[in-house]
Structure formats: structure tokens, C-alpha cells
């Protein structure tokens, strides 16, 4: 920063000081104009070039490519299994993600993923502010996409403003109809892509075209298309400012060392126009061109400091750097910086970017722990899951020989890719006998043999009979052991055996 200050006192040559455009624009959140109730001021962001704009183009293509194309990726899971790589099969009670298959009973994996996502968001925010909002948030991505369409039909910022103010003509009507038609097409494709994650994509497309899809499919596509159209084309920055809670939450995620897009007022002030042959002595580098404002999709003035509306898209950095290059001044008048660095520069120190801090270490540790637990659980997940439900009406039945019998419903889930045979044993009561309704195959110890198909759930009715004298009062703890006959998978469930008092 000291070098920047030194350079700032050297007048640029005539060749380096190019003519710059000064925009007539005011921030939508200007303090003097703020009121509790106010109509929306339409924002017409101007296109800019630079490394951050390039990064945003890349993120838009990358994220939209994943969203639109992922349902079409095929993944062979064998005969009788869905071949869509990513599929949320509500009817079948499965979530497929390439080699991973999640059952409803394993919803805790989804919970773990949500926790990981939340902690990762906290970590990114505490490190570098609202980078999620500026580069990856769906609202930002689709708004950018809709703006591309708007610029294609209506031109750049000044042309769009002029078109808004002009009277209705055939040319204006054509441009507006063309723009909104493409917006609606994008919205419908967006809604359809989301529904494709819940059904086989090629099959559903054919059904939609032939008008044989379910009403639910058309309904959800319509609803999602409507939200996409309104949020991306009409509401835009209003969603971020008024509907999204994250701007308020992120305030507690950041500290004075967190990076954010900031105007370096210690270098830029006092601001004002600058002519080619004038000296830079006694003034700042800001030439009051307002290019940082005209490129902002939120319509704010970054020079007013940290603001709730700023999504940290960094387009103002690109715009300002372009102006600095034109007038021969160093880049970085607007840059990623921290509040602490302002204090350091004020005291004559240098910029220090502290990524490793107690806050970020804690978030990283939590993220690592949760990720490790999730990975361990996935790598060691059992291929069998058993659920035992004891009959409650009646609690027990006394047989003609005096024995007491209880009924149970056992559900065996085979998560493997092969048909399996399981034996069901009981421990906890001497001289007990176990029988299964509809099962004729028993092993030498009298345990029933249950066959469960690949990736299937089978429900069996079991009966346990035992002499009254072998019971421990009116409630005896027993253990069901379900074991794979030709493997090592095993599941143990504890329950109770009810008898007379």
C-alpha cells in the first residue's frame, strides 16, 4: 500500500490518461432517499470485462451445465434397476447418486450433507464474505442468464434505459416479446430439469411431449418455471435484499479479518474529476466516474462502505480496475480487503490477509469431523437393515398346552445387489420356538430361512412360543439375530416378550 501511495503522487503521461465515461446514476439504497415504503427503482447493469467477470461466466456455465445435464447421465446398476446416475425415486423410496444408494431409513446421510453444506458456507463467509452469493447462488446465476438474454435483444445499459422511456412501437413490442419469450423458455427448461431429478429423464420427456405425463409433473414444472421467471427476470435484486435471510445471517459470520469487496477510501479520497494534465497531489484516485455503480447488479455504491445489499460479485472491482488502467493509476482502488487492513494502513503498516484464525479453524475442524464421520459411515454401512414390531393387540396368546405366544412383524431390508438368504434366531428365553408365516424352510436349530431379493424390503410375520415358567414376569427382554447365510452381514434387534402377570 505504501508503494501505491508513492505511485499515486506521480502524474501519468498523456498517453496513459485516456478519456473515461462518467455515468449519471445514483445508488438505489442512497441514505437520503431511503424510506420505509418505496417503489422499486429498476436497475440496468452495464456489462464489464475483467478477471472476476470471467470467473462469473465460468461459474454460470459450470453450474448451469451440471443442473441441466446431470439428469441425463446414465449409470448401469444392473437389470431391473434405474440407470439414471442421479435420481430421487420417491415412489421406490430411494435416492441414487452414482454408486451411492440412500434408503428412507438412512435420511441421516442427507442431514449430514446439509450440515456439511451449512458449515462450508459459514467457512467461506468468515473467510471471504458472500462469495457464495456472488458466484454460486441460483438467484445470481439465473439473473445473470436472464440479463444475457435482455442485452441480446435490448442492447447495453443506455439502450435499455432509452427503450424503457420510449413510447410503444413495433420495434419495442418485438424486443419485449422476444425477450420474455426466451425467458419463459428458459424458465420452463429450468422447471423441467428439476422434475427430471425425480423421474427417468428420457421417459418423462416423451410423456411430456405426448401429453401422457402425470398432472403433478406439469404442475411442478409450471410452478418452478413461474418462480424462475419472476425471480430471475422481474424481482432480481429484490430477492436478495428483501426475501433472502442470508445477508442478515452472514453479518455474524464475519469479523474484522474477513475479506469483502471494499472501496479503499484511504487511497480514493478526496474524490473528484481529474483532467489529463492535472497533478495527483492532494487528492485521491477516485475520479467520480461511477462505473462501479453502473455495473452493480444490486444498484448500490460500494464507496459507501459495507452494505447489506452487496452480494460481492466483484464486478465493481473489474470496472474500477479498467478505469485505473485508463488513467494510469494502480489497480486495487476497489478490492478484496478487510476492516483490519484499513487500521493497519492508517498506522503505517502493510496489508495482512489472515485466513487462518480461530473462527476459520473451528469451522474447518467441524467440517472435517462431519465429513470423516459421513465417509466412515458410508464405507462401513451394513447391507442389511432389520426392523421388529411387536403385536399390541393382543399382547400375547395362551396356547392349549399352556405356552405363551407373541406375534411380531419383521422387516428385512437387503441393500446389496444380490439376492440373499437370512436366518432369524432368538435369544433370551429358554425352550422357545420360532415360526414364520408362509415360510417352510428352517435350519437345523429351528430358525426360519428368509429369502430377500436384491435391493428389496420383505415383511414377514413371526410367532414366538415359550413355556410360561421360562418367562421373567410379564415382560422378558429378547434378542432377534438376523444373519446372512452365505456372508458376514448381521443385524441384532432387542425387543420384549409379553406374558401374564
Protein backbone atom coordinates (compact mmCIF):
# COMPACT_ATOMS: atom_id res chain seq x y z
CA UNK A 1 0.00 0.00 0.00
CA UNK A 2 2.95 2.28 0.67
CA UNK A 3 4.12 1.75 -2.92
CA UNK A 4 0.63 2.55 -4.15
CA UNK A 5 0.67 5.84 -2.28
CA UNK A 6 4.07 6.65 -3.72
CA UNK A 7 2.91 5.93 -7.24
CA UNK A 8 -0.28 7.90 -6.64
CA UNK A 9 1.71 11.18 -6.46
CA UNK A 10 3.27 10.72 -9.91
CA UNK A 11 1.26 12.36 -12.70
CA UNK A 12 0.56 9.96 -15.54
CA UNK A 13 1.72 10.65 -19.03
CA UNK A 14 -0.71 11.99 -21.60
CA UNK A 15 -0.70 8.64 -23.38
CA UNK A 16 -1.78 6.74 -20.26
CA UNK A 17 -4.62 9.10 -19.35
CA UNK A 18 -7.45 8.05 -21.65
CA UNK A 19 -10.89 9.60 -21.83
CA UNK A 20 -13.33 7.97 -19.42
CA UNK A 21 -17.10 7.96 -19.35
CA UNK A 22 -18.83 9.43 -16.32
CA UNK A 23 -22.22 7.86 -15.70
CA UNK A 24 -25.26 9.65 -14.35
CA UNK A 25 -26.51 7.21 -11.75
CA UNK A 26 -27.48 7.12 -8.08
CA UNK A 27 -27.41 4.21 -5.66
CA UNK A 28 -30.81 2.63 -5.11
CA UNK A 29 -30.10 2.49 -1.37
CA UNK A 30 -28.82 6.04 -1.06
CA UNK A 31 -29.32 7.11 2.56
CA UNK A 32 -31.07 10.36 1.62
CA UNK A 33 -33.65 8.53 -0.48
CA UNK A 34 -34.43 5.67 1.88
CA UNK A 35 -37.96 5.29 3.17
CA UNK A 36 -39.98 2.55 4.77
CA UNK A 37 -42.17 2.17 1.69
CA UNK A 38 -40.74 3.00 -1.72
CA UNK A 39 -41.34 1.80 -5.29
CA UNK A 40 -38.64 -0.31 -6.87
CA UNK A 41 -36.09 1.52 -8.98
CA UNK A 42 -35.30 -0.63 -11.99
CA UNK A 43 -31.62 -1.42 -12.32
CA UNK A 44 -29.89 -1.68 -15.70
CA UNK A 45 -26.44 -3.21 -15.02
CA UNK A 46 -23.80 -2.40 -17.59
CA UNK A 47 -21.56 -5.15 -18.90
CA UNK A 48 -17.91 -5.03 -17.91
CA UNK A 49 -14.79 -7.07 -18.56
CA UNK A 50 -12.19 -8.41 -16.18
CA UNK A 51 -10.99 -11.43 -14.27
CA UNK A 52 -13.96 -11.52 -11.90
CA UNK A 53 -16.45 -11.22 -14.76
CA UNK A 54 -14.63 -14.11 -16.46
CA UNK A 55 -14.86 -16.13 -13.25
CA UNK A 56 -18.59 -15.43 -13.08
CA UNK A 57 -19.05 -16.56 -16.70
CA UNK A 58 -17.22 -19.78 -15.87
CA UNK A 59 -19.31 -20.40 -12.75
CA UNK A 60 -22.53 -19.73 -14.65
CA UNK A 61 -21.67 -22.18 -17.44
CA UNK A 62 -20.35 -24.76 -14.97
CA UNK A 63 -23.29 -24.70 -12.55
CA UNK A 64 -25.99 -24.47 -15.23
CA UNK A 65 -24.28 -27.27 -17.15
CA UNK A 66 -24.41 -29.53 -14.10
CA UNK A 67 -28.02 -28.60 -13.33
CA UNK A 68 -29.38 -29.12 -16.84
CA UNK A 69 -27.27 -32.12 -17.89
CA UNK A 70 -26.94 -34.20 -14.70
CA UNK A 71 -30.35 -35.95 -15.07
CA UNK A 72 -29.25 -37.25 -18.48
CA UNK A 73 -26.14 -39.03 -17.22
CA UNK A 74 -26.62 -42.80 -17.30
CA UNK A 75 -25.26 -45.25 -14.71
CA UNK A 76 -25.65 -49.02 -15.10
CA UNK A 77 -26.93 -50.60 -11.89
CA UNK A 78 -27.96 -53.92 -13.37
CA UNK A 79 -31.18 -55.37 -14.67
CA UNK A 80 -34.36 -54.01 -13.15
CA UNK A 81 -32.63 -51.01 -11.58
CA UNK A 82 -32.87 -47.36 -12.72
CA UNK A 83 -29.96 -46.31 -14.90
CA UNK A 84 -30.12 -42.59 -14.14
CA UNK A 85 -26.97 -41.50 -12.31
CA UNK A 86 -28.75 -39.00 -10.04
CA UNK A 87 -32.33 -39.89 -9.18
CA UNK A 88 -34.69 -39.19 -6.29
CA UNK A 89 -37.13 -42.08 -6.60
CA UNK A 90 -39.96 -41.11 -4.27
CA UNK A 91 -42.21 -44.00 -5.31
CA UNK A 92 -39.44 -46.53 -4.74
CA UNK A 93 -38.10 -44.81 -1.64
CA UNK A 94 -34.55 -44.39 -2.93
CA UNK A 95 -32.02 -41.68 -3.62
CA UNK A 96 -29.44 -42.72 -6.20
CA UNK A 97 -26.18 -40.85 -6.65
CA UNK A 98 -23.89 -42.81 -8.94
CA UNK A 99 -22.57 -45.68 -6.74
CA UNK A 100 -24.38 -44.45 -3.62
CA UNK A 101 -27.91 -45.55 -2.80
CA UNK A 102 -29.76 -43.97 0.12
CA UNK A 103 -32.87 -45.56 1.64
CA UNK A 104 -35.56 -43.66 3.61
CA UNK A 105 -34.19 -45.17 6.83
CA UNK A 106 -30.84 -43.55 6.02
CA UNK A 107 -32.11 -39.98 5.88
CA UNK A 108 -29.39 -39.09 8.37
CA UNK A 109 -26.95 -39.08 5.44
CA UNK A 110 -28.97 -36.27 3.88
CA UNK A 111 -28.92 -34.50 7.24
CA UNK A 112 -25.15 -34.89 7.33
CA UNK A 113 -24.82 -33.41 3.85
CA UNK A 114 -26.94 -30.42 4.88
CA UNK A 115 -24.76 -29.89 7.96
CA UNK A 116 -21.63 -30.09 5.79
CA UNK A 117 -23.10 -27.58 3.35
CA UNK A 118 -24.03 -25.19 6.15
CA UNK A 119 -20.60 -25.36 7.81
CA UNK A 120 -18.88 -24.95 4.43
CA UNK A 121 -20.98 -21.84 3.82
CA UNK A 122 -20.02 -20.49 7.25
CA UNK A 123 -16.35 -21.15 6.49
CA UNK A 124 -16.46 -19.41 3.11
CA UNK A 125 -18.33 -16.43 4.57
CA UNK A 126 -15.97 -15.97 7.51
CA UNK A 127 -13.01 -16.21 5.15
CA UNK A 128 -14.08 -14.21 2.11
CA UNK A 129 -17.55 -12.83 2.73
CA UNK A 130 -20.52 -13.50 0.48
CA UNK A 131 -18.68 -15.32 -2.30
CA UNK A 132 -21.50 -17.86 -2.42
CA UNK A 133 -23.94 -15.07 -3.23
CA UNK A 134 -21.75 -13.52 -5.89
CA UNK A 135 -20.70 -16.63 -7.77
CA UNK A 136 -22.80 -19.71 -6.97
CA UNK A 137 -26.22 -18.71 -5.64
CA UNK A 138 -29.01 -19.85 -8.02
CA UNK A 139 -30.57 -16.39 -7.83
CA UNK A 140 -27.34 -14.82 -9.06
CA UNK A 141 -26.77 -17.46 -11.74
CA UNK A 142 -30.25 -17.23 -13.28
CA UNK A 143 -30.35 -13.43 -13.03
CA UNK A 144 -27.06 -13.34 -14.95
CA UNK A 145 -28.53 -15.69 -17.56
CA UNK A 146 -31.67 -13.58 -17.93
CA UNK A 147 -29.53 -10.44 -18.28
CA UNK A 148 -27.63 -12.07 -21.15
CA UNK A 149 -30.94 -12.52 -22.95
CA UNK A 150 -32.01 -8.97 -22.11
CA UNK A 151 -28.80 -7.48 -23.50
CA UNK A 152 -29.08 -9.59 -26.65
CA UNK A 153 -32.50 -8.19 -27.55
CA UNK A 154 -32.45 -4.71 -26.00
CA UNK A 155 -28.80 -3.71 -26.07
CA UNK A 156 -26.49 -2.33 -23.42
CA UNK A 157 -27.42 -0.21 -20.42
CA UNK A 158 -28.07 3.12 -22.15
CA UNK A 159 -30.07 1.44 -24.91
CA UNK A 160 -32.22 -0.38 -22.36
CA UNK A 161 -32.89 2.81 -20.40
CA UNK A 162 -33.82 4.60 -23.62
CA UNK A 163 -36.12 1.73 -24.60
CA UNK A 164 -37.85 1.85 -21.20
CA UNK A 165 -38.56 5.56 -21.59
CA UNK A 166 -39.66 5.37 -25.22
CA UNK A 167 -43.23 5.06 -26.42
CA UNK A 168 -44.62 1.72 -27.51
CA UNK A 169 -43.68 1.00 -31.12
CA UNK A 170 -43.50 -2.18 -33.18
CA UNK A 171 -39.74 -2.35 -32.53
CA UNK A 172 -40.19 -2.05 -28.76
CA UNK A 173 -43.03 -4.57 -28.77
CA UNK A 174 -40.97 -7.05 -30.79
CA UNK A 175 -37.94 -6.73 -28.48
CA UNK A 176 -40.03 -7.15 -25.33
CA UNK A 177 -41.97 -10.12 -26.72
CA UNK A 178 -38.77 -11.80 -27.90
CA UNK A 179 -37.06 -11.24 -24.54
CA UNK A 180 -39.93 -12.54 -22.45
CA UNK A 181 -40.48 -15.50 -24.79
CA UNK A 182 -36.88 -16.63 -24.32
CA UNK A 183 -37.20 -16.01 -20.58
CA UNK A 184 -40.27 -18.25 -20.45
CA UNK A 185 -38.49 -20.96 -22.46
CA UNK A 186 -35.52 -20.84 -20.06
CA UNK A 187 -37.90 -20.95 -17.09
CA UNK A 188 -39.74 -23.99 -18.50
CA UNK A 189 -36.47 -25.80 -19.18
CA UNK A 190 -35.35 -24.96 -15.64
CA UNK A 191 -38.56 -26.33 -14.13
CA UNK A 192 -38.36 -29.42 -16.33
CA UNK A 193 -34.75 -30.08 -15.38
CA UNK A 194 -35.69 -30.07 -11.69
CA UNK A 195 -38.53 -32.54 -12.23
CA UNK A 196 -36.15 -34.80 -14.20
CA UNK A 197 -34.27 -35.46 -10.97
CA UNK A 198 -37.40 -37.20 -9.65
CA UNK A 199 -38.15 -39.36 -12.69
CA UNK A 200 -36.33 -41.03 -15.57
CA UNK A 201 -35.48 -38.04 -17.78
CA UNK A 202 -35.88 -39.59 -21.28
CA UNK A 203 -39.13 -41.29 -20.30
CA UNK A 204 -40.58 -38.14 -18.75
CA UNK A 205 -39.64 -36.01 -21.77
CA UNK A 206 -41.51 -38.41 -24.04
CA UNK A 207 -44.52 -38.33 -21.71
CA UNK A 208 -44.49 -34.53 -21.58
CA UNK A 209 -44.37 -34.26 -25.36
CA UNK A 210 -47.14 -36.83 -25.88
CA UNK A 211 -49.25 -35.32 -23.10
CA UNK A 212 -49.21 -38.57 -21.11
CA UNK A 213 -47.26 -37.31 -18.09
CA UNK A 214 -48.95 -37.04 -14.72
CA UNK A 215 -50.69 -33.86 -13.64
CA UNK A 216 -48.10 -33.49 -10.86
CA UNK A 217 -45.29 -33.27 -13.43
CA UNK A 218 -46.99 -30.45 -15.34
CA UNK A 219 -47.90 -28.71 -12.09
CA UNK A 220 -44.37 -28.71 -10.69
CA UNK A 221 -42.81 -27.66 -13.97
CA UNK A 222 -45.29 -24.79 -14.16
CA UNK A 223 -44.68 -23.67 -10.57
CA UNK A 224 -40.90 -23.84 -10.85
CA UNK A 225 -40.99 -22.08 -14.21
CA UNK A 226 -43.11 -19.30 -12.72
CA UNK A 227 -40.71 -18.80 -9.81
CA UNK A 228 -37.70 -18.82 -12.14
CA UNK A 229 -39.33 -16.26 -14.45
CA UNK A 230 -40.36 -13.93 -11.62
CA UNK A 231 -37.18 -14.22 -9.55
CA UNK A 232 -34.67 -14.10 -12.41
CA UNK A 233 -36.44 -11.72 -14.77
CA UNK A 234 -38.67 -9.46 -12.68
CA UNK A 235 -37.69 -9.39 -8.99
CA UNK A 236 -33.93 -9.88 -9.39
CA UNK A 237 -32.10 -7.88 -6.72
CA UNK A 238 -35.29 -7.62 -4.65
CA UNK A 239 -34.97 -11.31 -3.82
CA UNK A 240 -31.50 -10.77 -2.36
CA UNK A 241 -32.40 -7.60 -0.48
CA UNK A 242 -35.80 -8.44 0.98
CA UNK A 243 -36.52 -12.18 0.64
CA UNK A 244 -33.21 -13.88 1.37
CA UNK A 245 -32.21 -14.17 5.05
CA UNK A 246 -28.53 -14.77 4.32
CA UNK A 247 -27.47 -11.08 4.20
CA UNK A 248 -28.58 -10.75 7.82
CA UNK A 249 -27.09 -14.07 8.91
CA UNK A 250 -23.72 -13.51 7.28
CA UNK A 251 -23.15 -10.42 9.41
CA UNK A 252 -22.42 -12.61 12.45
CA UNK A 253 -20.24 -14.95 10.38
CA UNK A 254 -17.71 -12.24 9.58
CA UNK A 255 -15.12 -10.45 11.69
CA UNK A 256 -12.65 -7.64 11.12
CA UNK A 257 -10.23 -10.02 9.34
CA UNK A 258 -12.84 -11.36 6.90
CA UNK A 259 -12.32 -10.39 3.29
CA UNK A 260 -15.01 -8.43 1.49
CA UNK A 261 -15.28 -6.23 -1.58
CA UNK A 262 -14.34 -2.78 -0.29
CA UNK A 263 -13.60 0.69 -1.57
CA UNK A 264 -10.22 1.78 -0.21
CA UNK A 265 -11.24 5.25 0.89
CA UNK A 266 -7.79 5.86 2.37
CA UNK A 267 -6.49 5.87 -1.19
CA UNK A 268 -9.53 7.14 -3.08
CA UNK A 269 -10.44 10.25 -1.07
CA UNK A 270 -10.87 13.08 -1.66
CA UNK A 271 -12.57 12.08 -4.88
CA UNK A 272 -13.41 14.18 -7.91
CA UNK A 273 -12.93 14.54 -11.67
CA UNK A 274 -9.36 14.60 -12.95
CA UNK A 275 -8.11 16.19 -16.14
CA UNK A 276 -5.28 14.85 -18.23
CA UNK A 277 -2.57 17.32 -17.29
CA UNK A 278 -3.51 17.81 -13.64
CA UNK A 279 -1.37 16.56 -10.77
CA UNK A 280 -2.49 13.85 -8.38
CA UNK A 281 -1.06 15.67 -5.38
CA UNK A 282 -3.54 16.41 -2.62
CA UNK A 283 -6.34 14.24 -3.97
CA UNK A 284 -7.42 10.62 -4.16
CA UNK A 285 -7.53 8.19 -7.05
CA UNK A 286 -11.34 8.09 -7.35
CA UNK A 287 -12.31 10.20 -10.37
CA UNK A 288 -16.05 10.04 -9.67
CA UNK A 289 -16.77 8.08 -12.86
CA UNK A 290 -19.42 5.94 -11.10
CA UNK A 291 -18.54 2.92 -13.23
CA UNK A 292 -18.60 0.83 -10.05
CA UNK A 293 -22.28 1.74 -9.70
CA UNK A 294 -23.46 1.18 -13.28
CA UNK A 295 -22.07 -2.38 -13.39
CA UNK A 296 -23.52 -3.34 -10.00
CA UNK A 297 -26.47 -5.74 -10.34
CA UNK A 298 -27.72 -4.53 -6.95
CA UNK A 299 -27.54 -0.85 -7.90
CA UNK A 300 -25.50 0.22 -4.86
CA UNK A 301 -22.49 2.48 -4.37
CA UNK A 302 -19.67 0.37 -2.95
CA UNK A 303 -17.93 3.57 -1.85
CA UNK A 304 -20.46 3.94 0.97
CA UNK A 305 -18.87 1.01 2.80
CA UNK A 306 -20.13 -2.45 3.72
CA UNK A 307 -23.80 -2.81 2.83
CA UNK A 308 -26.46 -5.45 3.28
CA UNK A 309 -27.31 -5.33 -0.44
CA UNK A 310 -23.79 -6.15 -1.66
CA UNK A 311 -23.63 -9.73 -2.97
CA UNK A 312 -19.86 -9.49 -3.51
CA UNK A 313 -19.97 -10.27 -7.22
CA UNK A 314 -16.78 -8.18 -7.64
CA UNK A 315 -17.91 -6.59 -10.91
CA UNK A 316 -17.17 -3.18 -9.38
CA UNK A 317 -13.55 -4.31 -8.97
CA UNK A 318 -13.28 -5.07 -12.68
CA UNK A 319 -14.94 -1.79 -13.64
CA UNK A 320 -12.69 0.25 -11.35
CA UNK A 321 -9.53 -1.55 -12.46
CA UNK A 322 -10.39 -0.79 -16.07
CA UNK A 323 -10.70 2.91 -15.22
CA UNK A 324 -7.44 2.88 -13.24
CA UNK A 325 -5.67 1.39 -16.25
CA UNK A 326 -7.09 4.13 -18.48
CA UNK A 327 -5.89 6.95 -16.24
CA UNK A 328 -2.57 5.32 -15.42
CA UNK A 329 -3.20 4.62 -11.74
CA UNK A 330 -2.54 1.35 -9.88
CA UNK A 331 -5.34 -1.20 -9.75
CA UNK A 332 -7.00 -2.11 -6.47
CA UNK A 333 -8.88 1.05 -5.53
CA UNK A 334 -11.79 -1.35 -5.05
CA UNK A 335 -10.58 -4.78 -3.97
CA UNK A 336 -10.98 -7.67 -1.58
CA UNK A 337 -9.85 -6.27 1.73
CA UNK A 338 -10.55 -6.44 5.46
CA UNK A 339 -11.51 -3.83 8.01
CA UNK A 340 -8.37 -4.66 9.94
CA UNK A 341 -6.19 -3.73 6.97
CA UNK A 342 -7.66 -0.22 6.98
CA UNK A 343 -6.42 0.14 10.56
CA UNK A 344 -3.02 -1.31 9.65
CA UNK A 345 -2.57 1.12 6.75
CA UNK A 346 -3.70 4.01 8.97
CA UNK A 347 -0.92 3.11 11.40
CA UNK A 348 1.61 2.85 8.57
CA UNK A 349 1.55 -0.93 8.33
CA UNK A 350 1.12 -3.30 5.41
CA UNK A 351 -1.82 -5.39 4.31
CA UNK A 352 -2.04 -8.77 6.02
CA UNK A 353 -4.58 -11.35 4.93
CA UNK A 354 -5.18 -13.77 7.81
CA UNK A 355 -7.08 -16.76 6.51
CA UNK A 356 -6.16 -18.98 9.46
CA UNK A 357 -7.98 -17.61 12.51
CA UNK A 358 -9.81 -19.20 15.48
CA UNK A 359 -13.15 -18.83 13.71
CA UNK A 360 -12.00 -20.45 10.45
CA UNK A 361 -10.10 -23.17 12.31
CA UNK A 362 -13.23 -24.10 14.27
CA UNK A 363 -15.37 -24.21 11.13
CA UNK A 364 -12.72 -26.25 9.31
CA UNK A 365 -12.43 -28.69 12.21
CA UNK A 366 -16.20 -29.19 12.39
CA UNK A 367 -16.37 -29.68 8.63
CA UNK A 368 -13.53 -32.20 8.74
CA UNK A 369 -15.11 -34.14 11.61
CA UNK A 370 -18.55 -34.30 9.97
CA UNK A 371 -17.00 -35.27 6.62
CA UNK A 372 -14.93 -38.01 8.24
CA UNK A 373 -17.93 -39.41 10.10
CA UNK A 374 -20.01 -39.34 6.91
CA UNK A 375 -17.30 -41.05 4.87
CA UNK A 376 -16.73 -43.70 7.55
CA UNK A 377 -20.45 -44.39 7.79
CA UNK A 378 -20.76 -44.76 4.01
CA UNK A 379 -17.72 -47.01 3.75
CA UNK A 380 -18.91 -49.25 6.58
CA UNK A 381 -22.67 -49.20 6.01
CA UNK A 382 -24.35 -52.54 6.53
CA UNK A 383 -26.03 -54.32 3.62
CA UNK A 384 -28.88 -55.38 5.89
CA UNK A 385 -31.33 -53.39 7.94
CA UNK A 386 -33.94 -55.02 10.18
CA UNK A 387 -36.94 -53.58 11.97
CA UNK A 388 -39.00 -55.51 14.56
CA UNK A 389 -42.55 -54.53 15.51
CA UNK A 390 -44.33 -56.48 18.27
CA UNK A 391 -48.07 -57.07 18.03
CA UNK A 392 -50.02 -54.98 20.55
CA UNK A 393 -53.48 -56.43 20.09
CA UNK A 394 -53.44 -58.92 21.64
CA UNK A 395 -50.23 -58.58 23.63
CA UNK A 396 -49.98 -62.35 23.95
CA UNK A 397 -51.96 -65.54 23.39
CA UNK A 398 -52.03 -68.57 25.72
CA UNK A 399 -51.96 -71.80 23.74
CA UNK A 400 -53.82 -75.01 24.61
CA UNK A 401 -50.62 -76.55 26.02
CA UNK A 402 -50.15 -73.57 28.35
CA UNK A 403 -47.34 -71.92 26.36
CA UNK A 404 -47.41 -68.17 25.78
CA UNK A 405 -47.16 -66.88 22.22
CA UNK A 406 -46.27 -63.40 20.95
CA UNK A 407 -46.57 -62.14 17.38
CA UNK A 408 -44.02 -59.92 15.62
CA UNK A 409 -43.66 -58.31 12.23
CA UNK A 410 -40.08 -58.28 10.98
CA UNK A 411 -38.98 -56.18 8.02
CA UNK A 412 -35.71 -57.17 6.40
CA UNK A 413 -34.06 -54.74 4.00
CA UNK A 414 -31.47 -56.18 1.60
CA UNK A 415 -29.34 -53.27 0.37
CA UNK A 416 -26.97 -55.43 -1.67
CA UNK A 417 -27.02 -56.05 -5.42
CA UNK A 418 -27.68 -59.80 -4.97
CA UNK A 419 -30.49 -61.95 -3.63
CA UNK A 420 -29.72 -63.02 -0.05
CA UNK A 421 -30.82 -65.72 2.41
CA UNK A 422 -31.14 -64.83 6.08
CA UNK A 423 -31.76 -66.88 9.21
CA UNK A 424 -33.64 -65.41 12.16
CA UNK A 425 -32.65 -66.59 15.63
CA UNK A 426 -33.92 -65.65 19.09
CA UNK A 427 -32.09 -65.39 22.42
CA UNK A 428 -33.31 -64.54 25.90
CA UNK A 429 -35.90 -67.29 26.55
CA UNK A 430 -35.11 -70.96 27.10
CA UNK A 431 -37.13 -73.63 25.24
CA UNK A 432 -38.66 -71.07 22.91
CA UNK A 433 -39.85 -71.90 19.40
CA UNK A 434 -39.96 -69.55 16.42
CA UNK A 435 -42.15 -69.89 13.35
CA UNK A 436 -42.70 -67.70 10.30
CA UNK A 437 -45.95 -67.33 8.43
CA UNK A 438 -45.64 -68.67 4.87
CA UNK A 439 -42.08 -69.98 5.42
CA UNK A 440 -41.34 -73.70 5.13
CA UNK A 441 -37.55 -73.60 5.14
CA UNK A 442 -35.86 -73.85 8.57
CA UNK A 443 -32.27 -74.62 9.56
CA UNK A 444 -31.14 -77.32 11.97
CA UNK A 445 -31.65 -75.07 15.00
CA UNK A 446 -35.23 -74.30 14.01
CA UNK A 447 -34.58 -70.78 12.72
CA UNK A 448 -36.61 -69.79 9.63
CA UNK A 449 -34.75 -69.06 6.39
CA UNK A 450 -35.95 -65.88 4.68
CA UNK A 451 -35.09 -65.03 1.06
CA UNK A 452 -34.94 -61.32 0.21
CA UNK A 453 -34.36 -60.09 -3.34
CA UNK A 454 -31.66 -57.63 -4.32
CA UNK A 455 -32.39 -54.09 -3.23
CA UNK A 456 -35.70 -55.21 -1.73
CA UNK A 457 -37.64 -54.98 1.52
CA UNK A 458 -39.54 -58.04 2.76
CA UNK A 459 -42.03 -58.14 5.62
CA UNK A 460 -42.58 -61.44 7.50
CA UNK A 461 -44.97 -62.39 10.31
CA UNK A 462 -43.16 -64.22 13.13
CA UNK A 463 -44.52 -66.10 16.15
CA UNK A 464 -42.55 -66.89 19.30
CA UNK A 465 -43.90 -69.50 21.73
CA UNK A 466 -42.34 -70.26 25.12
CA UNK A 467 -43.31 -72.05 28.38
CA UNK A 468 -44.77 -69.70 30.97
CA UNK A 469 -42.27 -70.88 33.58
CA UNK A 470 -39.34 -69.71 31.40
CA UNK A 471 -40.56 -66.13 31.32
CA UNK A 472 -39.29 -63.36 33.57
CA UNK A 473 -42.57 -61.93 34.75
CA UNK A 474 -44.92 -60.15 32.39
CA UNK A 475 -42.10 -58.71 30.22
CA UNK A 476 -38.98 -60.56 29.13
CA UNK A 477 -36.22 -58.98 27.08
CA UNK A 478 -35.32 -60.96 23.98
CA UNK A 479 -32.92 -60.51 21.07
CA UNK A 480 -33.56 -61.21 17.39
CA UNK A 481 -30.42 -62.01 15.39
CA UNK A 482 -30.75 -61.85 11.61
CA UNK A 483 -27.71 -63.38 9.88
CA UNK A 484 -26.76 -63.74 6.23
CA UNK A 485 -26.26 -67.44 5.45
CA UNK A 486 -23.51 -67.01 2.87
CA UNK A 487 -21.90 -63.85 4.18
CA UNK A 488 -21.00 -61.86 7.27
CA UNK A 489 -23.86 -59.34 7.36
CA UNK A 490 -25.74 -59.44 10.65
CA UNK A 491 -28.29 -57.32 12.45
CA UNK A 492 -29.29 -57.56 16.13
CA UNK A 493 -32.54 -56.09 17.43
CA UNK A 494 -33.81 -56.09 21.02
CA UNK A 495 -37.47 -56.19 21.97
CA UNK A 496 -39.72 -57.68 24.67
CA UNK A 497 -41.83 -60.80 25.05
CA UNK A 498 -45.09 -60.18 26.90
CA UNK A 499 -46.81 -62.66 29.21
CA UNK A 500 -49.34 -62.81 32.05
CA UNK A 501 -48.51 -61.23 35.41
